[in-house]
Amino acid sequence: MKPLGDDEFRVEVSEGQSRTQHRVTARRDHRLRYGGEAPPERLIEESFRFLLEREAKESILQAFELPVIEQYFPEYPSWIRQRLAD
């Protein structure tokens, strides 16, 4: 993962020879809503862990804001809060 600014991150997911890249926007209000005071890098990392448990890396949007995850997976907010609380 590479920060691209205060609110944007580039995430690369690799499996064997296959690789995908994703641009994720996690604005401060998103980070507070989903991750509380967790570091943004941890929030993004755990969010990708969540997504990869549910779909192939090729199915993950190439660019999205964190709230989009909740549109596809309503359980995301409670899952991510619990995960980051551990």
PDB file of N, CA and C in Angstrom:
ATOM      1  N   MET A   1       0.847  -1.165   0.000  1.00  0.00           N
ATOM      2  CA  MET A   1       0.000   0.000   0.000  1.00  0.00           C
ATOM      3  C   MET A   1       0.896   1.233   0.000  1.00  0.00           C
ATOM      4  N   LYS A   2       0.458   2.220  -0.783  1.00  0.00           N
ATOM      5  CA  LYS A   2       1.215   3.457  -0.883  1.00  0.00           C
ATOM      6  C   LYS A   2       0.265   4.638  -0.751  1.00  0.00           C
ATOM      7  N   PRO A   3       0.523   5.536   0.220  1.00  0.00           N
ATOM      8  CA  PRO A   3      -0.303   6.743   0.310  1.00  0.00           C
ATOM      9  C   PRO A   3      -0.080   7.631  -0.915  1.00  0.00           C
ATOM     10  N   LEU A   4      -1.158   8.163  -1.457  1.00  0.00           N
ATOM     11  CA  LEU A   4      -1.084   9.064  -2.611  1.00  0.00           C
ATOM     12  C   LEU A   4      -1.422  10.495  -2.205  1.00  0.00           C
ATOM     13  N   GLY A   5      -1.701  10.683  -0.956  1.00  0.00           N
ATOM     14  CA  GLY A   5      -2.095  11.977  -0.415  1.00  0.00           C
ATOM     15  C   GLY A   5      -2.729  11.714   0.933  1.00  0.00           C
ATOM     16  N   ASP A   6      -3.347  12.721   1.499  1.00  0.00           N
ATOM     17  CA  ASP A   6      -3.965  12.550   2.819  1.00  0.00           C
ATOM     18  C   ASP A   6      -5.104  11.535   2.807  1.00  0.00           C
ATOM     19  N   ASP A   7      -5.836  11.484   1.723  1.00  0.00           N
ATOM     20  CA  ASP A   7      -7.049  10.659   1.684  1.00  0.00           C
ATOM     21  C   ASP A   7      -7.018   9.523   0.675  1.00  0.00           C
ATOM     22  N   GLU A   8      -5.975   9.413  -0.126  1.00  0.00           N
ATOM     23  CA  GLU A   8      -5.949   8.397  -1.174  1.00  0.00           C
ATOM     24  C   GLU A   8      -4.773   7.446  -0.991  1.00  0.00           C
ATOM     25  N   PHE A   9      -5.056   6.185  -1.334  1.00  0.00           N
ATOM     26  CA  PHE A   9      -4.062   5.132  -1.204  1.00  0.00           C
ATOM     27  C   PHE A   9      -4.091   4.252  -2.441  1.00  0.00           C
ATOM     28  N   ARG A  10      -2.936   3.778  -2.833  1.00  0.00           N
ATOM     29  CA  ARG A  10      -2.866   2.789  -3.911  1.00  0.00           C
ATOM     30  C   ARG A  10      -2.551   1.451  -3.255  1.00  0.00           C
ATOM     31  N   VAL A  11      -3.372   0.469  -3.575  1.00  0.00           N
ATOM     32  CA  VAL A  11      -3.222  -0.869  -3.009  1.00  0.00           C
ATOM     33  C   VAL A  11      -2.956  -1.828  -4.159  1.00  0.00           C
ATOM     34  N   GLU A  12      -1.926  -2.640  -4.004  1.00  0.00           N
ATOM     35  CA  GLU A  12      -1.605  -3.663  -4.994  1.00  0.00           C
ATOM     36  C   GLU A  12      -1.844  -5.022  -4.355  1.00  0.00           C
ATOM     37  N   VAL A  13      -2.583  -5.859  -5.063  1.00  0.00           N
ATOM     38  CA  VAL A  13      -2.872  -7.201  -4.581  1.00  0.00           C
ATOM     39  C   VAL A  13      -2.214  -8.175  -5.550  1.00  0.00           C
ATOM     40  N   SER A  14      -1.370  -9.047  -5.010  1.00  0.00           N
ATOM     41  CA  SER A  14      -0.647 -10.014  -5.847  1.00  0.00           C
ATOM     42  C   SER A  14      -0.979 -11.430  -5.411  1.00  0.00           C
ATOM     43  N   GLU A  15      -1.162 -12.286  -6.404  1.00  0.00           N
ATOM     44  CA  GLU A  15      -1.331 -13.726  -6.193  1.00  0.00           C
ATOM     45  C   GLU A  15      -0.558 -14.403  -7.309  1.00  0.00           C
ATOM     46  N   GLY A  16       0.544 -15.019  -6.952  1.00  0.00           N
ATOM     47  CA  GLY A  16       1.376 -15.641  -7.981  1.00  0.00           C
ATOM     48  C   GLY A  16       1.852 -14.583  -8.962  1.00  0.00           C
ATOM     49  N   GLN A  17       1.616 -14.813 -10.246  1.00  0.00           N
ATOM     50  CA  GLN A  17       2.025 -13.883 -11.301  1.00  0.00           C
ATOM     51  C   GLN A  17       0.980 -12.791 -11.550  1.00  0.00           C
ATOM     52  N   SER A  18      -0.205 -12.965 -10.977  1.00  0.00           N
ATOM     53  CA  SER A  18      -1.317 -12.043 -11.218  1.00  0.00           C
ATOM     54  C   SER A  18      -1.310 -10.906 -10.201  1.00  0.00           C
ATOM     55  N   ARG A  19      -1.600  -9.693 -10.683  1.00  0.00           N
ATOM     56  CA  ARG A  19      -1.559  -8.512  -9.829  1.00  0.00           C
ATOM     57  C   ARG A  19      -2.667  -7.543 -10.241  1.00  0.00           C
ATOM     58  N   THR A  20      -3.286  -6.924  -9.245  1.00  0.00           N
ATOM     59  CA  THR A  20      -4.253  -5.859  -9.514  1.00  0.00           C
ATOM     60  C   THR A  20      -3.857  -4.629  -8.701  1.00  0.00           C
ATOM     61  N   GLN A  21      -4.259  -3.456  -9.174  1.00  0.00           N
ATOM     62  CA  GLN A  21      -4.017  -2.214  -8.457  1.00  0.00           C
ATOM     63  C   GLN A  21      -5.339  -1.501  -8.252  1.00  0.00           C
ATOM     64  N   HIS A  22      -5.446  -0.876  -7.082  1.00  0.00           N
ATOM     65  CA  HIS A  22      -6.676  -0.212  -6.702  1.00  0.00           C
ATOM     66  C   HIS A  22      -6.348   1.127  -6.063  1.00  0.00           C
ATOM     67  N   ARG A  23      -7.181   2.105  -6.335  1.00  0.00           N
ATOM     68  CA  ARG A  23      -7.034   3.441  -5.740  1.00  0.00           C
ATOM     69  C   ARG A  23      -8.217   3.635  -4.795  1.00  0.00           C
ATOM     70  N   VAL A  24      -7.918   3.804  -3.509  1.00  0.00           N
ATOM     71  CA  VAL A  24      -8.958   3.887  -2.490  1.00  0.00           C
ATOM     72  C   VAL A  24      -8.935   5.269  -1.852  1.00  0.00           C
ATOM     73  N   THR A  25     -10.097   5.878  -1.768  1.00  0.00           N
ATOM     74  CA  THR A  25     -10.229   7.155  -1.080  1.00  0.00           C
ATOM     75  C   THR A  25     -10.838   6.890   0.288  1.00  0.00           C
ATOM     76  N   ALA A  26     -10.143   7.349   1.314  1.00  0.00           N
ATOM     77  CA  ALA A  26     -10.605   7.194   2.692  1.00  0.00           C
ATOM     78  C   ALA A  26     -10.517   8.556   3.358  1.00  0.00           C
ATOM     79  N   ARG A  27     -11.540   9.367   3.147  1.00  0.00           N
ATOM     80  CA  ARG A  27     -11.556  10.704   3.747  1.00  0.00           C
ATOM     81  C   ARG A  27     -11.623  10.595   5.270  1.00  0.00           C
ATOM     82  N   ARG A  28     -11.280  11.650   5.927  1.00  0.00           N
ATOM     83  CA  ARG A  28     -11.243  11.638   7.397  1.00  0.00           C
ATOM     84  C   ARG A  28     -12.578  11.191   7.985  1.00  0.00           C
ATOM     85  N   ASP A  29     -13.693  11.678   7.458  1.00  0.00           N
ATOM     86  CA  ASP A  29     -14.987  11.259   8.003  1.00  0.00           C
ATOM     87  C   ASP A  29     -15.225   9.773   7.780  1.00  0.00           C
ATOM     88  N   HIS A  30     -14.754   9.224   6.654  1.00  0.00           N
ATOM     89  CA  HIS A  30     -14.853   7.777   6.412  1.00  0.00           C
ATOM     90  C   HIS A  30     -14.013   7.027   7.446  1.00  0.00           C
ATOM     91  N   ARG A  31     -12.793   7.514   7.654  1.00  0.00           N
ATOM     92  CA  ARG A  31     -11.884   6.827   8.581  1.00  0.00           C
ATOM     93  C   ARG A  31     -12.456   6.823   9.993  1.00  0.00           C
ATOM     94  N   LEU A  32     -13.030   7.932  10.418  1.00  0.00           N
ATOM     95  CA  LEU A  32     -13.624   7.989  11.751  1.00  0.00           C
ATOM     96  C   LEU A  32     -14.845   7.075  11.851  1.00  0.00           C
ATOM     97  N   ARG A  33     -15.643   7.056  10.812  1.00  0.00           N
ATOM     98  CA  ARG A  33     -16.860   6.224  10.832  1.00  0.00           C
ATOM     99  C   ARG A  33     -16.539   4.741  10.901  1.00  0.00           C
ATOM    100  N   TYR A  34     -15.604   4.306  10.091  1.00  0.00           N
ATOM    101  CA  TYR A  34     -15.316   2.874  10.007  1.00  0.00           C
ATOM    102  C   TYR A  34     -14.187   2.417  10.924  1.00  0.00           C
ATOM    103  N   GLY A  35     -13.206   3.264  11.123  1.00  0.00           N
ATOM    104  CA  GLY A  35     -12.030   2.824  11.849  1.00  0.00           C
ATOM    105  C   GLY A  35     -11.744   3.533  13.143  1.00  0.00           C
ATOM    106  N   GLY A  36     -12.565   4.518  13.499  1.00  0.00           N
ATOM    107  CA  GLY A  36     -12.297   5.261  14.718  1.00  0.00           C
ATOM    108  C   GLY A  36     -10.930   5.925  14.635  1.00  0.00           C
ATOM    109  N   GLU A  37     -10.114   5.676  15.609  1.00  0.00           N
ATOM    110  CA  GLU A  37      -8.776   6.279  15.652  1.00  0.00           C
ATOM    111  C   GLU A  37      -7.700   5.360  15.082  1.00  0.00           C
ATOM    112  N   ALA A  38      -8.094   4.264  14.448  1.00  0.00           N
ATOM    113  CA  ALA A  38      -7.107   3.346  13.851  1.00  0.00           C
ATOM    114  C   ALA A  38      -6.330   4.065  12.756  1.00  0.00           C
ATOM    115  N   PRO A  39      -5.067   3.724  12.589  1.00  0.00           N
ATOM    116  CA  PRO A  39      -4.292   4.323  11.495  1.00  0.00           C
ATOM    117  C   PRO A  39      -4.955   4.015  10.148  1.00  0.00           C
ATOM    118  N   PRO A  40      -4.956   4.983   9.227  1.00  0.00           N
ATOM    119  CA  PRO A  40      -5.618   4.760   7.939  1.00  0.00           C
ATOM    120  C   PRO A  40      -5.074   3.546   7.198  1.00  0.00           C
ATOM    121  N   GLU A  41      -3.784   3.298   7.314  1.00  0.00           N
ATOM    122  CA  GLU A  41      -3.197   2.134   6.624  1.00  0.00           C
ATOM    123  C   GLU A  41      -3.798   0.829   7.135  1.00  0.00           C
ATOM    124  N   ARG A  42      -4.022   0.754   8.431  1.00  0.00           N
ATOM    125  CA  ARG A  42      -4.621  -0.467   8.987  1.00  0.00           C
ATOM    126  C   ARG A  42      -6.070  -0.607   8.529  1.00  0.00           C
ATOM    127  N   LEU A  43      -6.805   0.496   8.493  1.00  0.00           N
ATOM    128  CA  LEU A  43      -8.191   0.467   8.020  1.00  0.00           C
ATOM    129  C   LEU A  43      -8.261  -0.029   6.586  1.00  0.00           C
ATOM    130  N   ILE A  44      -7.396   0.475   5.736  1.00  0.00           N
ATOM    131  CA  ILE A  44      -7.387   0.049   4.324  1.00  0.00           C
ATOM    132  C   ILE A  44      -6.983  -1.419   4.217  1.00  0.00           C
ATOM    133  N   GLU A  45      -5.949  -1.804   4.942  1.00  0.00           N
ATOM    134  CA  GLU A  45      -5.480  -3.196   4.901  1.00  0.00           C
ATOM    135  C   GLU A  45      -6.582  -4.157   5.332  1.00  0.00           C
ATOM    136  N   GLU A  46      -7.238  -3.858   6.439  1.00  0.00           N
ATOM    137  CA  GLU A  46      -8.313  -4.738   6.916  1.00  0.00           C
ATOM    138  C   GLU A  46      -9.519  -4.707   5.975  1.00  0.00           C
ATOM    139  N   SER A  47      -9.769  -3.575   5.365  1.00  0.00           N
ATOM    140  CA  SER A  47     -10.868  -3.478   4.394  1.00  0.00           C
ATOM    141  C   SER A  47     -10.600  -4.380   3.197  1.00  0.00           C
ATOM    142  N   PHE A  48      -9.354  -4.436   2.754  1.00  0.00           N
ATOM    143  CA  PHE A  48      -9.018  -5.332   1.650  1.00  0.00           C
ATOM    144  C   PHE A  48      -9.072  -6.790   2.081  1.00  0.00           C
ATOM    145  N   ARG A  49      -8.693  -7.063   3.306  1.00  0.00           N
ATOM    146  CA  ARG A  49      -8.826  -8.437   3.823  1.00  0.00           C
ATOM    147  C   ARG A  49     -10.301  -8.839   3.772  1.00  0.00           C
ATOM    148  N   PHE A  50     -11.172  -7.942   4.204  1.00  0.00           N
ATOM    149  CA  PHE A  50     -12.617  -8.178   4.154  1.00  0.00           C
ATOM    150  C   PHE A  50     -13.069  -8.480   2.727  1.00  0.00           C
ATOM    151  N   LEU A  51     -12.678  -7.625   1.792  1.00  0.00           N
ATOM    152  CA  LEU A  51     -13.092  -7.802   0.395  1.00  0.00           C
ATOM    153  C   LEU A  51     -12.571  -9.107  -0.188  1.00  0.00           C
ATOM    154  N   LEU A  52     -11.320  -9.423   0.065  1.00  0.00           N
ATOM    155  CA  LEU A  52     -10.718 -10.624  -0.518  1.00  0.00           C
ATOM    156  C   LEU A  52     -11.284 -11.911   0.064  1.00  0.00           C
ATOM    157  N   GLU A  53     -11.877 -11.835   1.252  1.00  0.00           N
ATOM    158  CA  GLU A  53     -12.574 -13.005   1.809  1.00  0.00           C
ATOM    159  C   GLU A  53     -13.902 -13.247   1.094  1.00  0.00           C
ATOM    160  N   ARG A  54     -14.367 -12.249   0.327  1.00  0.00           N
ATOM    161  CA  ARG A  54     -15.683 -12.331  -0.293  1.00  0.00           C
ATOM    162  C   ARG A  54     -15.680 -12.344  -1.813  1.00  0.00           C
ATOM    163  N   GLU A  55     -14.585 -11.915  -2.402  1.00  0.00           N
ATOM    164  CA  GLU A  55     -14.530 -11.875  -3.870  1.00  0.00           C
ATOM    165  C   GLU A  55     -13.087 -11.914  -4.357  1.00  0.00           C
ATOM    166  N   ALA A  56     -12.947 -12.253  -5.620  1.00  0.00           N
ATOM    167  CA  ALA A  56     -11.622 -12.302  -6.242  1.00  0.00           C
ATOM    168  C   ALA A  56     -11.066 -10.886  -6.391  1.00  0.00           C
ATOM    169  N   LYS A  57      -9.770 -10.772  -6.356  1.00  0.00           N
ATOM    170  CA  LYS A  57      -9.142  -9.448  -6.469  1.00  0.00           C
ATOM    171  C   LYS A  57      -9.537  -8.746  -7.752  1.00  0.00           C
ATOM    172  N   GLU A  58      -9.792  -9.489  -8.799  1.00  0.00           N
ATOM    173  CA  GLU A  58     -10.192  -8.901 -10.080  1.00  0.00           C
ATOM    174  C   GLU A  58     -11.603  -8.312 -10.037  1.00  0.00           C
ATOM    175  N   SER A  59     -12.380  -8.720  -9.038  1.00  0.00           N
ATOM    176  CA  SER A  59     -13.743  -8.206  -8.905  1.00  0.00           C
ATOM    177  C   SER A  59     -13.803  -6.912  -8.089  1.00  0.00           C
ATOM    178  N   ILE A  60     -12.726  -6.588  -7.404  1.00  0.00           N
ATOM    179  CA  ILE A  60     -12.688  -5.372  -6.596  1.00  0.00           C
ATOM    180  C   ILE A  60     -12.523  -4.183  -7.536  1.00  0.00           C
ATOM    181  N   LEU A  61     -13.327  -3.165  -7.319  1.00  0.00           N
ATOM    182  CA  LEU A  61     -13.274  -1.971  -8.163  1.00  0.00           C
ATOM    183  C   LEU A  61     -11.856  -1.404  -8.201  1.00  0.00           C
ATOM    184  N   GLN A  62     -11.477  -0.845  -9.331  1.00  0.00           N
ATOM    185  CA  GLN A  62     -10.138  -0.265  -9.468  1.00  0.00           C
ATOM    186  C   GLN A  62     -10.003   1.043  -8.708  1.00  0.00           C
ATOM    187  N   ALA A  63     -11.092   1.771  -8.533  1.00  0.00           N
ATOM    188  CA  ALA A  63     -11.081   3.025  -7.784  1.00  0.00           C
ATOM    189  C   ALA A  63     -12.407   3.151  -7.047  1.00  0.00           C
ATOM    190  N   PHE A  64     -12.326   3.440  -5.749  1.00  0.00           N
ATOM    191  CA  PHE A  64     -13.552   3.578  -4.966  1.00  0.00           C
ATOM    192  C   PHE A  64     -13.272   4.301  -3.656  1.00  0.00           C
ATOM    193  N   GLU A  65     -14.344   4.809  -3.050  1.00  0.00           N
ATOM    194  CA  GLU A  65     -14.295   5.377  -1.712  1.00  0.00           C
ATOM    195  C   GLU A  65     -14.773   4.301  -0.739  1.00  0.00           C
ATOM    196  N   LEU A  66     -14.279   4.323   0.476  1.00  0.00           N
ATOM    197  CA  LEU A  66     -14.620   3.289   1.454  1.00  0.00           C
ATOM    198  C   LEU A  66     -16.115   3.016   1.599  1.00  0.00           C
ATOM    199  N   PRO A  67     -16.992   4.031   1.627  1.00  0.00           N
ATOM    200  CA  PRO A  67     -18.419   3.733   1.800  1.00  0.00           C
ATOM    201  C   PRO A  67     -19.018   2.843   0.706  1.00  0.00           C
ATOM    202  N   VAL A  68     -18.362   2.746  -0.424  1.00  0.00           N
ATOM    203  CA  VAL A  68     -18.860   1.881  -1.503  1.00  0.00           C
ATOM    204  C   VAL A  68     -18.888   0.422  -1.040  1.00  0.00           C
ATOM    205  N   ILE A  69     -17.949   0.042  -0.195  1.00  0.00           N
ATOM    206  CA  ILE A  69     -17.920  -1.343   0.293  1.00  0.00           C
ATOM    207  C   ILE A  69     -19.243  -1.687   0.961  1.00  0.00           C
ATOM    208  N   GLU A  70     -19.752  -0.758   1.752  1.00  0.00           N
ATOM    209  CA  GLU A  70     -21.002  -0.980   2.472  1.00  0.00           C
ATOM    210  C   GLU A  70     -22.185  -1.141   1.523  1.00  0.00           C
ATOM    211  N   GLN A  71     -22.138  -0.517   0.372  1.00  0.00           N
ATOM    212  CA  GLN A  71     -23.229  -0.659  -0.601  1.00  0.00           C
ATOM    213  C   GLN A  71     -23.327  -2.099  -1.110  1.00  0.00           C
ATOM    214  N   TYR A  72     -22.191  -2.745  -1.252  1.00  0.00           N
ATOM    215  CA  TYR A  72     -22.160  -4.128  -1.734  1.00  0.00           C
ATOM    216  C   TYR A  72     -22.269  -5.136  -0.589  1.00  0.00           C
ATOM    217  N   PHE A  73     -21.720  -4.775   0.560  1.00  0.00           N
ATOM    218  CA  PHE A  73     -21.660  -5.675   1.708  1.00  0.00           C
ATOM    219  C   PHE A  73     -22.139  -4.934   2.959  1.00  0.00           C
ATOM    220  N   PRO A  74     -23.425  -5.001   3.267  1.00  0.00           N
ATOM    221  CA  PRO A  74     -23.973  -4.256   4.404  1.00  0.00           C
ATOM    222  C   PRO A  74     -23.325  -4.606   5.749  1.00  0.00           C
ATOM    223  N   GLU A  75     -22.702  -5.762   5.839  1.00  0.00           N
ATOM    224  CA  GLU A  75     -22.079  -6.170   7.098  1.00  0.00           C
ATOM    225  C   GLU A  75     -20.711  -5.516   7.324  1.00  0.00           C
ATOM    226  N   TYR A  76     -20.202  -4.813   6.321  1.00  0.00           N
ATOM    227  CA  TYR A  76     -18.869  -4.218   6.415  1.00  0.00           C
ATOM    228  C   TYR A  76     -18.674  -3.305   7.631  1.00  0.00           C
ATOM    229  N   PRO A  77     -19.549  -2.350   7.920  1.00  0.00           N
ATOM    230  CA  PRO A  77     -19.288  -1.449   9.048  1.00  0.00           C
ATOM    231  C   PRO A  77     -19.093  -2.179  10.376  1.00  0.00           C
ATOM    232  N   SER A  78     -19.967  -3.113  10.693  1.00  0.00           N
ATOM    233  CA  SER A  78     -19.816  -3.822  11.969  1.00  0.00           C
ATOM    234  C   SER A  78     -18.590  -4.730  11.943  1.00  0.00           C
ATOM    235  N   TRP A  79     -18.311  -5.365  10.811  1.00  0.00           N
ATOM    236  CA  TRP A  79     -17.145  -6.247  10.699  1.00  0.00           C
ATOM    237  C   TRP A  79     -15.855  -5.461  10.906  1.00  0.00           C
ATOM    238  N   ILE A  80     -15.725  -4.328  10.224  1.00  0.00           N
ATOM    239  CA  ILE A  80     -14.479  -3.572  10.278  1.00  0.00           C
ATOM    240  C   ILE A  80     -14.283  -2.961  11.668  1.00  0.00           C
ATOM    241  N   ARG A  81     -15.341  -2.486  12.281  1.00  0.00           N
ATOM    242  CA  ARG A  81     -15.212  -1.923  13.640  1.00  0.00           C
ATOM    243  C   ARG A  81     -14.761  -2.982  14.629  1.00  0.00           C
ATOM    244  N   GLN A  82     -15.345  -4.160  14.520  1.00  0.00           N
ATOM    245  CA  GLN A  82     -14.970  -5.260  15.420  1.00  0.00           C
ATOM    246  C   GLN A  82     -13.524  -5.688  15.164  1.00  0.00           C
ATOM    247  N   ARG A  83     -13.157  -5.791  13.904  1.00  0.00           N
ATOM    248  CA  ARG A  83     -11.810  -6.205  13.534  1.00  0.00           C
ATOM    249  C   ARG A  83     -10.763  -5.228  14.072  1.00  0.00           C
ATOM    250  N   LEU A  84     -11.048  -3.950  13.951  1.00  0.00           N
ATOM    251  CA  LEU A  84     -10.089  -2.946  14.394  1.00  0.00           C
ATOM    252  C   LEU A  84     -10.066  -2.784  15.919  1.00  0.00           C
ATOM    253  N   ALA A  85     -11.120  -3.234  16.582  1.00  0.00           N
ATOM    254  CA  ALA A  85     -11.166  -3.175  18.039  1.00  0.00           C
ATOM    255  C   ALA A  85     -10.325  -4.275  18.680  1.00  0.00           C
ATOM    256  N   ASP A  86     -10.077  -5.353  17.931  1.00  0.00           N
ATOM    257  CA  ASP A  86      -9.290  -6.485  18.465  1.00  0.00           C
ATOM    258  C   ASP A  86      -7.834  -6.130  18.634  1.00  0.00           C
TER     259      ASP A  86
END
